[in-house]
Amino acid sequence: MDRVKVEATAPVLPAMPDREFLQNGAKRLGECLSAQVSDQLLIYARELERWNRKINLVGPAPFQQMLENHFLDSLTLLPILQAQKSSQTLLDIGSGAGFPGLVLACVFPNTRFVLAEPRLKKVSFLKQVIRLLHLTNVEIVTERLTKTAPATLLAIGFPLITSRAFANISDFLALAEPFCRPGGQVICMKGPKALTETEEWLRNTTAHHFTLSDLQETALPFSGASRSILTFTKK
């Protein structure tokens, strides 16, 4: 499994206020965050920091490093989502503490986000953040996603599905396939093992339901940690 991990040696981050750090990081990714969205994300991040003292939601890290590792990392998907229709539905599988789905829900208020997360402690945290931020475009599914998932969920046929640090590409595409409509896209956020996992998927999958339609290499704005964003389109 290719999990996006906090580097063993913490990067040296520039000294600046938290909002400036977040907005500056987004600019380095080619995006602009409004003051309202920036403040929402900071409220979210501070709540995450508070909960993380008691519940292991993410790996321990200084506050601004956490902003980069999780919030700015989630924002690397902005160009892809902006290229899609402005109003649609996105399923985030294995949302955990809300990455990337809950972060993106702050940026795209006209898009409906369904966060699939079966672990109840993390569900409690997600619900708390949704209440704090007064988000009306987010719902949470607590059932594990399988081929026997609730019929209402299977019937939706999501046009967009995301995951971050959830499973290897082969396993994730097999899991996502029943929930993705024909022509829909599955976006995998991966670390250094992206190419290896893609080759394994091509080599071992006998019945491909997806084609690899896009591969973007990027890096986090301050640490320079490499990221790969792979987009698969369902046949």
C-alpha atoms as a PDB file:
ATOM      1  CA  MET A   1       0.000   0.000   0.000  1.00  0.00           C
ATOM      2  CA  ASP A   2       1.332   3.378  -1.018  1.00  0.00           C
ATOM      3  CA  ARG A   3       0.510   5.687   1.856  1.00  0.00           C
ATOM      4  CA  VAL A   4       1.349   9.367   1.815  1.00  0.00           C
ATOM      5  CA  LYS A   5       3.524   9.717   4.899  1.00  0.00           C
ATOM      6  CA  VAL A   6       5.006  12.595   6.816  1.00  0.00           C
ATOM      7  CA  GLU A   7       8.703  12.662   6.017  1.00  0.00           C
ATOM      8  CA  ALA A   8      10.965  11.448   8.845  1.00  0.00           C
ATOM      9  CA  THR A   9      12.909  14.712   8.819  1.00  0.00           C
ATOM     10  CA  ALA A  10      10.622  17.705   9.140  1.00  0.00           C
ATOM     11  CA  PRO A  11      11.173  20.278   6.375  1.00  0.00           C
ATOM     12  CA  VAL A  12      12.253  23.788   7.245  1.00  0.00           C
ATOM     13  CA  LEU A  13       9.141  25.880   6.591  1.00  0.00           C
ATOM     14  CA  PRO A  14       9.099  29.642   6.022  1.00  0.00           C
ATOM     15  CA  ALA A  15       8.121  31.787   9.005  1.00  0.00           C
ATOM     16  CA  MET A  16       4.778  33.475   8.290  1.00  0.00           C
ATOM     17  CA  PRO A  17       1.274  33.706   9.824  1.00  0.00           C
ATOM     18  CA  ASP A  18      -0.946  30.667   9.319  1.00  0.00           C
ATOM     19  CA  ARG A  19      -3.370  32.284   6.865  1.00  0.00           C
ATOM     20  CA  GLU A  20      -0.505  33.692   4.798  1.00  0.00           C
ATOM     21  CA  PHE A  21       1.179  30.264   4.862  1.00  0.00           C
ATOM     22  CA  LEU A  22      -1.965  28.599   3.539  1.00  0.00           C
ATOM     23  CA  GLN A  23      -2.664  31.205   0.868  1.00  0.00           C
ATOM     24  CA  ASN A  24       0.995  31.391  -0.170  1.00  0.00           C
ATOM     25  CA  GLY A  25       1.140  27.612  -0.493  1.00  0.00           C
ATOM     26  CA  ALA A  26      -1.996  27.599  -2.647  1.00  0.00           C
ATOM     27  CA  LYS A  27      -0.491  30.270  -4.905  1.00  0.00           C
ATOM     28  CA  ARG A  28       2.598  28.123  -5.381  1.00  0.00           C
ATOM     29  CA  LEU A  29       0.222  25.392  -6.547  1.00  0.00           C
ATOM     30  CA  GLY A  30      -1.273  27.875  -9.013  1.00  0.00           C
ATOM     31  CA  GLU A  31      -4.463  28.520  -7.057  1.00  0.00           C
ATOM     32  CA  CYS A  32      -5.925  31.423  -5.081  1.00  0.00           C
ATOM     33  CA  LEU A  33      -7.837  30.954  -1.838  1.00  0.00           C
ATOM     34  CA  SER A  34     -10.302  33.581  -0.682  1.00  0.00           C
ATOM     35  CA  ALA A  35     -10.086  34.893   2.862  1.00  0.00           C
ATOM     36  CA  GLN A  36     -13.352  33.070   3.673  1.00  0.00           C
ATOM     37  CA  VAL A  37     -12.124  29.684   2.454  1.00  0.00           C
ATOM     38  CA  SER A  38      -8.724  30.191   4.102  1.00  0.00           C
ATOM     39  CA  ASP A  39     -10.393  30.932   7.435  1.00  0.00           C
ATOM     40  CA  GLN A  40     -12.643  27.881   7.083  1.00  0.00           C
ATOM     41  CA  LEU A  41      -9.643  25.654   6.463  1.00  0.00           C
ATOM     42  CA  LEU A  42      -7.796  27.124   9.447  1.00  0.00           C
ATOM     43  CA  ILE A  43     -10.785  26.484  11.731  1.00  0.00           C
ATOM     44  CA  TYR A  44     -10.833  22.918  10.383  1.00  0.00           C
ATOM     45  CA  ALA A  45      -7.076  22.505  10.917  1.00  0.00           C
ATOM     46  CA  ARG A  46      -7.185  23.824  14.487  1.00  0.00           C
ATOM     47  CA  GLU A  47     -10.040  21.474  15.311  1.00  0.00           C
ATOM     48  CA  LEU A  48      -8.013  18.626  13.814  1.00  0.00           C
ATOM     49  CA  GLU A  49      -5.031  19.604  15.956  1.00  0.00           C
ATOM     50  CA  ARG A  50      -7.241  19.656  19.070  1.00  0.00           C
ATOM     51  CA  TRP A  51      -8.825  16.253  18.366  1.00  0.00           C
ATOM     52  CA  ASN A  52      -5.502  14.749  17.379  1.00  0.00           C
ATOM     53  CA  ARG A  53      -4.223  15.140  20.947  1.00  0.00           C
ATOM     54  CA  LYS A  54      -6.699  12.450  22.029  1.00  0.00           C
ATOM     55  CA  ILE A  55      -7.507  10.507  18.845  1.00  0.00           C
ATOM     56  CA  ASN A  56      -4.969   9.442  16.226  1.00  0.00           C
ATOM     57  CA  LEU A  57      -6.493  11.116  13.170  1.00  0.00           C
ATOM     58  CA  VAL A  58      -3.238  12.059  11.408  1.00  0.00           C
ATOM     59  CA  GLY A  59       0.441  11.692  12.215  1.00  0.00           C
ATOM     60  CA  PRO A  60       1.806  14.192  14.756  1.00  0.00           C
ATOM     61  CA  ALA A  61       3.435  17.260  13.180  1.00  0.00           C
ATOM     62  CA  PRO A  62       3.838  20.996  13.805  1.00  0.00           C
ATOM     63  CA  PHE A  63       0.753  22.974  12.772  1.00  0.00           C
ATOM     64  CA  GLN A  64       2.047  24.438   9.512  1.00  0.00           C
ATOM     65  CA  GLN A  65       3.605  21.146   8.487  1.00  0.00           C
ATOM     66  CA  MET A  66       0.168  19.587   9.027  1.00  0.00           C
ATOM     67  CA  LEU A  67      -1.309  22.319   6.807  1.00  0.00           C
ATOM     68  CA  GLU A  68       1.063  21.368   4.015  1.00  0.00           C
ATOM     69  CA  ASN A  69       0.934  17.589   4.434  1.00  0.00           C
ATOM     70  CA  HIS A  70      -2.863  17.373   4.440  1.00  0.00           C
ATOM     71  CA  PHE A  71      -4.614  20.611   3.459  1.00  0.00           C
ATOM     72  CA  LEU A  72      -2.317  21.876   0.700  1.00  0.00           C
ATOM     73  CA  ASP A  73      -1.883  18.290  -0.478  1.00  0.00           C
ATOM     74  CA  SER A  74      -5.674  18.041  -0.879  1.00  0.00           C
ATOM     75  CA  LEU A  75      -5.670  21.308  -2.836  1.00  0.00           C
ATOM     76  CA  THR A  76      -3.440  19.776  -5.536  1.00  0.00           C
ATOM     77  CA  LEU A  77      -6.728  18.417  -6.964  1.00  0.00           C
ATOM     78  CA  LEU A  78      -8.160  21.891  -7.580  1.00  0.00           C
ATOM     79  CA  PRO A  79      -7.091  22.183 -11.253  1.00  0.00           C
ATOM     80  CA  ILE A  80      -8.699  18.837 -12.088  1.00  0.00           C
ATOM     81  CA  LEU A  81     -11.969  19.666 -10.366  1.00  0.00           C
ATOM     82  CA  GLN A  82     -12.082  23.149 -11.867  1.00  0.00           C
ATOM     83  CA  ALA A  83     -11.850  21.560 -15.313  1.00  0.00           C
ATOM     84  CA  GLN A  84     -15.004  19.559 -14.545  1.00  0.00           C
ATOM     85  CA  LYS A  85     -18.563  20.863 -14.464  1.00  0.00           C
ATOM     86  CA  SER A  86     -19.097  23.348 -11.672  1.00  0.00           C
ATOM     87  CA  SER A  87     -21.947  21.445 -10.042  1.00  0.00           C
ATOM     88  CA  GLN A  88     -21.863  17.663  -9.653  1.00  0.00           C
ATOM     89  CA  THR A  89     -21.313  14.926  -7.084  1.00  0.00           C
ATOM     90  CA  LEU A  90     -18.021  13.549  -5.793  1.00  0.00           C
ATOM     91  CA  LEU A  91     -17.485  10.400  -3.710  1.00  0.00           C
ATOM     92  CA  ASP A  92     -14.414  10.407  -1.448  1.00  0.00           C
ATOM     93  CA  ILE A  93     -13.615   6.832  -0.415  1.00  0.00           C
ATOM     94  CA  GLY A  94     -11.761   6.283   2.860  1.00  0.00           C
ATOM     95  CA  SER A  95     -12.050   9.958   3.734  1.00  0.00           C
ATOM     96  CA  GLY A  96     -10.455   9.550   7.173  1.00  0.00           C
ATOM     97  CA  ALA A  97     -10.087  13.021   8.684  1.00  0.00           C
ATOM     98  CA  GLY A  98     -11.578  14.521   5.512  1.00  0.00           C
ATOM     99  CA  PHE A  99      -8.746  14.470   2.975  1.00  0.00           C
ATOM    100  CA  PRO A 100      -9.257  15.414   0.253  1.00  0.00           C
ATOM    101  CA  GLY A 101     -13.082  15.500   0.262  1.00  0.00           C
ATOM    102  CA  LEU A 102     -13.860  17.802   3.175  1.00  0.00           C
ATOM    103  CA  VAL A 103     -11.133  20.278   2.192  1.00  0.00           C
ATOM    104  CA  LEU A 104     -12.490  20.423  -1.359  1.00  0.00           C
ATOM    105  CA  ALA A 105     -16.039  20.881  -0.047  1.00  0.00           C
ATOM    106  CA  CYS A 106     -14.948  24.202   1.443  1.00  0.00           C
ATOM    107  CA  VAL A 107     -13.679  25.356  -1.959  1.00  0.00           C
ATOM    108  CA  PHE A 108     -16.618  24.069  -4.063  1.00  0.00           C
ATOM    109  CA  PRO A 109     -19.877  24.903  -2.219  1.00  0.00           C
ATOM    110  CA  ASN A 110     -21.986  24.006  -5.299  1.00  0.00           C
ATOM    111  CA  THR A 111     -20.614  20.470  -5.504  1.00  0.00           C
ATOM    112  CA  ARG A 112     -22.115  17.675  -3.452  1.00  0.00           C
ATOM    113  CA  PHE A 113     -19.515  15.647  -1.536  1.00  0.00           C
ATOM    114  CA  VAL A 114     -20.171  12.173  -0.163  1.00  0.00           C
ATOM    115  CA  LEU A 115     -17.512  11.087   2.348  1.00  0.00           C
ATOM    116  CA  ALA A 116     -17.277   7.318   2.835  1.00  0.00           C
ATOM    117  CA  GLU A 117     -15.699   6.597   6.228  1.00  0.00           C
ATOM    118  CA  PRO A 118     -16.658   3.579   8.396  1.00  0.00           C
ATOM    119  CA  ARG A 119     -14.509   4.352  11.464  1.00  0.00           C
ATOM    120  CA  LEU A 120     -16.819   5.946  14.007  1.00  0.00           C
ATOM    121  CA  LYS A 121     -14.231   8.125  15.772  1.00  0.00           C
ATOM    122  CA  LYS A 122     -13.307   9.720  12.476  1.00  0.00           C
ATOM    123  CA  VAL A 123     -16.983  10.065  11.562  1.00  0.00           C
ATOM    124  CA  SER A 124     -17.527  11.979  14.828  1.00  0.00           C
ATOM    125  CA  PHE A 125     -14.700  14.325  13.905  1.00  0.00           C
ATOM    126  CA  LEU A 126     -16.031  14.868  10.369  1.00  0.00           C
ATOM    127  CA  LYS A 127     -19.490  15.696  11.714  1.00  0.00           C
ATOM    128  CA  GLN A 128     -18.002  18.186  14.158  1.00  0.00           C
ATOM    129  CA  VAL A 129     -16.101  20.010  11.402  1.00  0.00           C
ATOM    130  CA  ILE A 130     -19.176  20.065   9.163  1.00  0.00           C
ATOM    131  CA  ARG A 131     -21.136  21.676  12.025  1.00  0.00           C
ATOM    132  CA  LEU A 132     -18.370  24.182  12.800  1.00  0.00           C
ATOM    133  CA  LEU A 133     -18.098  25.287   9.170  1.00  0.00           C
ATOM    134  CA  HIS A 134     -21.873  25.205   8.509  1.00  0.00           C
ATOM    135  CA  LEU A 135     -21.314  23.092   5.397  1.00  0.00           C
ATOM    136  CA  THR A 136     -24.503  22.055   3.620  1.00  0.00           C
ATOM    137  CA  ASN A 137     -22.942  20.245   0.668  1.00  0.00           C
ATOM    138  CA  VAL A 138     -21.449  17.271   2.555  1.00  0.00           C
ATOM    139  CA  GLU A 139     -22.897  13.957   3.678  1.00  0.00           C
ATOM    140  CA  ILE A 140     -21.205  11.000   5.327  1.00  0.00           C
ATOM    141  CA  VAL A 141     -21.661   7.315   4.529  1.00  0.00           C
ATOM    142  CA  THR A 142     -20.569   5.069   7.397  1.00  0.00           C
ATOM    143  CA  GLU A 143     -21.099   1.694   5.693  1.00  0.00           C
ATOM    144  CA  ARG A 144     -18.072  -0.078   4.253  1.00  0.00           C
ATOM    145  CA  LEU A 145     -18.209   0.121   0.482  1.00  0.00           C
ATOM    146  CA  THR A 146     -18.644  -3.306  -1.065  1.00  0.00           C
ATOM    147  CA  LYS A 147     -20.702  -4.730  -3.903  1.00  0.00           C
ATOM    148  CA  THR A 148     -23.471  -5.231  -1.312  1.00  0.00           C
ATOM    149  CA  ALA A 149     -23.426  -1.560  -0.259  1.00  0.00           C
ATOM    150  CA  PRO A 150     -26.797   0.193   0.111  1.00  0.00           C
ATOM    151  CA  ALA A 151     -28.686   0.140  -3.186  1.00  0.00           C
ATOM    152  CA  THR A 152     -29.236   3.899  -3.032  1.00  0.00           C
ATOM    153  CA  LEU A 153     -25.475   4.451  -3.047  1.00  0.00           C
ATOM    154  CA  LEU A 154     -24.816   1.953  -5.830  1.00  0.00           C
ATOM    155  CA  ALA A 155     -27.584   3.508  -7.927  1.00  0.00           C
ATOM    156  CA  ILE A 156     -26.065   7.004  -7.917  1.00  0.00           C
ATOM    157  CA  GLY A 157     -23.323   6.289 -10.446  1.00  0.00           C
ATOM    158  CA  PHE A 158     -20.831   8.910  -9.286  1.00  0.00           C
ATOM    159  CA  PRO A 159     -19.133  10.988 -11.998  1.00  0.00           C
ATOM    160  CA  LEU A 160     -16.090  11.609  -9.772  1.00  0.00           C
ATOM    161  CA  ILE A 161     -14.459   9.406  -7.138  1.00  0.00           C
ATOM    162  CA  THR A 162     -11.333  10.261  -5.152  1.00  0.00           C
ATOM    163  CA  SER A 163      -9.022   8.614  -2.678  1.00  0.00           C
ATOM    164  CA  ARG A 164      -5.904   9.649  -0.795  1.00  0.00           C
ATOM    165  CA  ALA A 165      -3.553   7.154   0.841  1.00  0.00           C
ATOM    166  CA  PHE A 166      -6.310   4.535   0.879  1.00  0.00           C
ATOM    167  CA  ALA A 167      -5.187   1.447  -1.065  1.00  0.00           C
ATOM    168  CA  ASN A 168      -3.014   0.440  -3.984  1.00  0.00           C
ATOM    169  CA  ILE A 169      -4.334   1.334  -7.408  1.00  0.00           C
ATOM    170  CA  SER A 170      -5.530  -2.160  -8.375  1.00  0.00           C
ATOM    171  CA  ASP A 171      -7.487  -2.665  -5.158  1.00  0.00           C
ATOM    172  CA  PHE A 172      -8.923   0.822  -5.198  1.00  0.00           C
ATOM    173  CA  LEU A 173     -10.166   0.653  -8.780  1.00  0.00           C
ATOM    174  CA  ALA A 174     -11.795  -2.717  -8.077  1.00  0.00           C
ATOM    175  CA  LEU A 175     -13.544  -1.187  -5.053  1.00  0.00           C
ATOM    176  CA  ALA A 176     -14.588   1.997  -6.858  1.00  0.00           C
ATOM    177  CA  GLU A 177     -15.855   0.342 -10.063  1.00  0.00           C
ATOM    178  CA  PRO A 178     -19.448  -0.428  -8.923  1.00  0.00           C
ATOM    179  CA  PHE A 179     -19.938   3.167  -7.771  1.00  0.00           C
ATOM    180  CA  CYS A 180     -18.523   4.905 -10.854  1.00  0.00           C
ATOM    181  CA  ARG A 181     -20.804   5.611 -13.792  1.00  0.00           C
ATOM    182  CA  PRO A 182     -19.648   4.838 -17.368  1.00  0.00           C
ATOM    183  CA  GLY A 183     -17.450   7.702 -18.493  1.00  0.00           C
ATOM    184  CA  GLY A 184     -16.912   8.728 -14.875  1.00  0.00           C
ATOM    185  CA  GLN A 185     -13.471   9.354 -13.452  1.00  0.00           C
ATOM    186  CA  VAL A 186     -11.554   7.954 -10.503  1.00  0.00           C
ATOM    187  CA  ILE A 187      -8.739  10.145  -9.178  1.00  0.00           C
ATOM    188  CA  CYS A 188      -5.960   8.502  -7.168  1.00  0.00           C
ATOM    189  CA  MET A 189      -3.580  10.648  -5.119  1.00  0.00           C
ATOM    190  CA  LYS A 190      -0.326   8.755  -4.772  1.00  0.00           C
ATOM    191  CA  GLY A 191       3.223   9.138  -3.538  1.00  0.00           C
ATOM    192  CA  PRO A 192       6.478   7.731  -4.954  1.00  0.00           C
ATOM    193  CA  LYS A 193       5.038   4.286  -5.778  1.00  0.00           C
ATOM    194  CA  ALA A 194       2.550   5.536  -8.372  1.00  0.00           C
ATOM    195  CA  LEU A 195       4.404   4.169 -11.401  1.00  0.00           C
ATOM    196  CA  THR A 196       5.048   0.786  -9.772  1.00  0.00           C
ATOM    197  CA  GLU A 197       1.392   0.422  -8.804  1.00  0.00           C
ATOM    198  CA  THR A 198       0.226   1.471 -12.270  1.00  0.00           C
ATOM    199  CA  GLU A 199       2.456  -1.136 -13.908  1.00  0.00           C
ATOM    200  CA  GLU A 200       1.138  -3.763 -11.490  1.00  0.00           C
ATOM    201  CA  TRP A 201      -2.446  -2.804 -12.355  1.00  0.00           C
ATOM    202  CA  LEU A 202      -1.741  -3.074 -16.094  1.00  0.00           C
ATOM    203  CA  ARG A 203       0.040  -6.389 -15.676  1.00  0.00           C
ATOM    204  CA  ASN A 204      -2.285  -8.191 -13.263  1.00  0.00           C
ATOM    205  CA  THR A 205      -5.776  -7.009 -14.171  1.00  0.00           C
ATOM    206  CA  THR A 206      -7.386  -9.279 -16.739  1.00  0.00           C
ATOM    207  CA  ALA A 207     -10.647  -7.332 -17.185  1.00  0.00           C
ATOM    208  CA  HIS A 208      -9.931  -3.632 -17.233  1.00  0.00           C
ATOM    209  CA  HIS A 209     -12.938  -1.456 -16.526  1.00  0.00           C
ATOM    210  CA  PHE A 210     -10.807   1.694 -16.638  1.00  0.00           C
ATOM    211  CA  THR A 211      -8.275   3.430 -18.825  1.00  0.00           C
ATOM    212  CA  LEU A 212      -5.551   5.693 -17.471  1.00  0.00           C
ATOM    213  CA  SER A 213      -6.504   9.057 -18.968  1.00  0.00           C
ATOM    214  CA  ASP A 214      -4.151  11.433 -17.159  1.00  0.00           C
ATOM    215  CA  LEU A 215      -1.042  11.421 -14.974  1.00  0.00           C
ATOM    216  CA  GLN A 216       0.188  14.619 -13.348  1.00  0.00           C
ATOM    217  CA  GLU A 217       3.369  14.938 -11.333  1.00  0.00           C
ATOM    218  CA  THR A 218       3.426  17.687  -8.741  1.00  0.00           C
ATOM    219  CA  ALA A 219       5.156  18.640  -5.492  1.00  0.00           C
ATOM    220  CA  LEU A 220       4.077  20.167  -2.215  1.00  0.00           C
ATOM    221  CA  PRO A 221       4.863  23.880  -2.224  1.00  0.00           C
ATOM    222  CA  PHE A 222       7.280  24.180   0.689  1.00  0.00           C
ATOM    223  CA  SER A 223       8.795  20.743   1.390  1.00  0.00           C
ATOM    224  CA  GLY A 224       8.940  19.782  -2.303  1.00  0.00           C
ATOM    225  CA  ALA A 225       7.620  16.293  -1.485  1.00  0.00           C
ATOM    226  CA  SER A 226       6.607  14.579  -4.739  1.00  0.00           C
ATOM    227  CA  ARG A 227       3.014  13.658  -5.512  1.00  0.00           C
ATOM    228  CA  SER A 228       1.325  11.903  -8.435  1.00  0.00           C
ATOM    229  CA  ILE A 229      -2.296  12.409  -9.427  1.00  0.00           C
ATOM    230  CA  LEU A 230      -3.659   9.660 -11.650  1.00  0.00           C
ATOM    231  CA  THR A 231      -7.046   9.960 -13.367  1.00  0.00           C
ATOM    232  CA  PHE A 232      -8.774   6.793 -14.584  1.00  0.00           C
ATOM    233  CA  THR A 233     -11.852   6.885 -16.817  1.00  0.00           C
ATOM    234  CA  LYS A 234     -14.419   4.099 -16.679  1.00  0.00           C
ATOM    235  CA  LYS A 235     -15.150   2.473 -20.008  1.00  0.00           C
END
